[in-house]
Amino acid sequence: MALKDLLVHVAAAPDSGPAIDAALALAEQHDAHLAGLAIRAPLDIPVYAEAHLPESMLQILQEREDQRIAGARQLFESKAKHAGRGERIAWRVDSGLPFDALGLHARYADLTVLAQDNPEKQDYRFAELAADLLVASGRPVLVVPSIGARTAIGFTVLVAWNGSREAARALADAMPILEKAQSVEIFIAGDPHIGDLPGADIAAHLAHHKIRVEAYRLPGAEAPVGDALLNRAAAIGADLIVMGGYGHSRLREFVLGGATRHILQHLTVPVLMSH
């Protein structure tokens, strides 16, 4: 599968700038169409208080939301024009809970790009959206750190591998990027699924796709895995991490695995996740 239809969530200006830049870079590298999506979420007021607010206050809140949407569109379109991709983009606005709206649109894209949660700035209505989307959409998600990313993404890639279903799914979803990469390293954490020669089976599989890889085995005493993965990414100059998103649903609450949550909270490079 090629990356030909990308989606980027544009929450607000300027916080969504890094995600837009990353999405535009991928669109250029893969000759893909890019759609920007803003979500008109429910007003940021408690339900019990809404009935007691005067109409004028509700109007002010609605106007602020209109301004946020307009600013998001201006940011997206100006960045696309500056990148020379003004003709291969689309702008969308949807309403509803961000979790539901973004999950729906993501199912019609090859990859969805969004910014890392920023607890100091992020509207709580969009909090932990990456984690929610990972499970809700059934599609791969690229999370871009709030500090931004390199102009090019996917030239030096670090793939987290433990032989699990989630890791296999992420690897398959990232294949269009891996096939264009200049360097790919498999980061192997100890696990009973990876055989007597860790990395040999997955390296052979990737070789059939003409992808040459190096393997790095996480020393057994080195922990936690999240920190080790980020440290290895820095050591090899990776511009992208590919990993499975681990977790489970319990009473509709998504509980992330420890390594997944750590990566999402401490991103230093973009991470492509699949669940």
Foldseek 3Di string as FASTA:
>chain_A
DAFAFEEEEQEFPPQFVQQLLARLLNCVVRVHFYEYEYEQEPFPDDPVCPVVDDPVVVVVSVVVSVVRLVRSVVSNQVVCVVSVNNPRYYYYYYYYQLLVVVLVVLLVGLEYTYEQDDVVDDDVSCPPSVVSSQPSNQHKYKYFYSVHADSHALQAEEQEDAQDPQSVVLCVSCVNSQLPYNAYEYEYEDDPNQDPDRPPVVQVVVVVSVGHYHYDYDPPVDDDPLVVSVVVCVVVVHQEYTGEWDFDADPNDTDTDPNNVSCSVDPPHMYMYHD
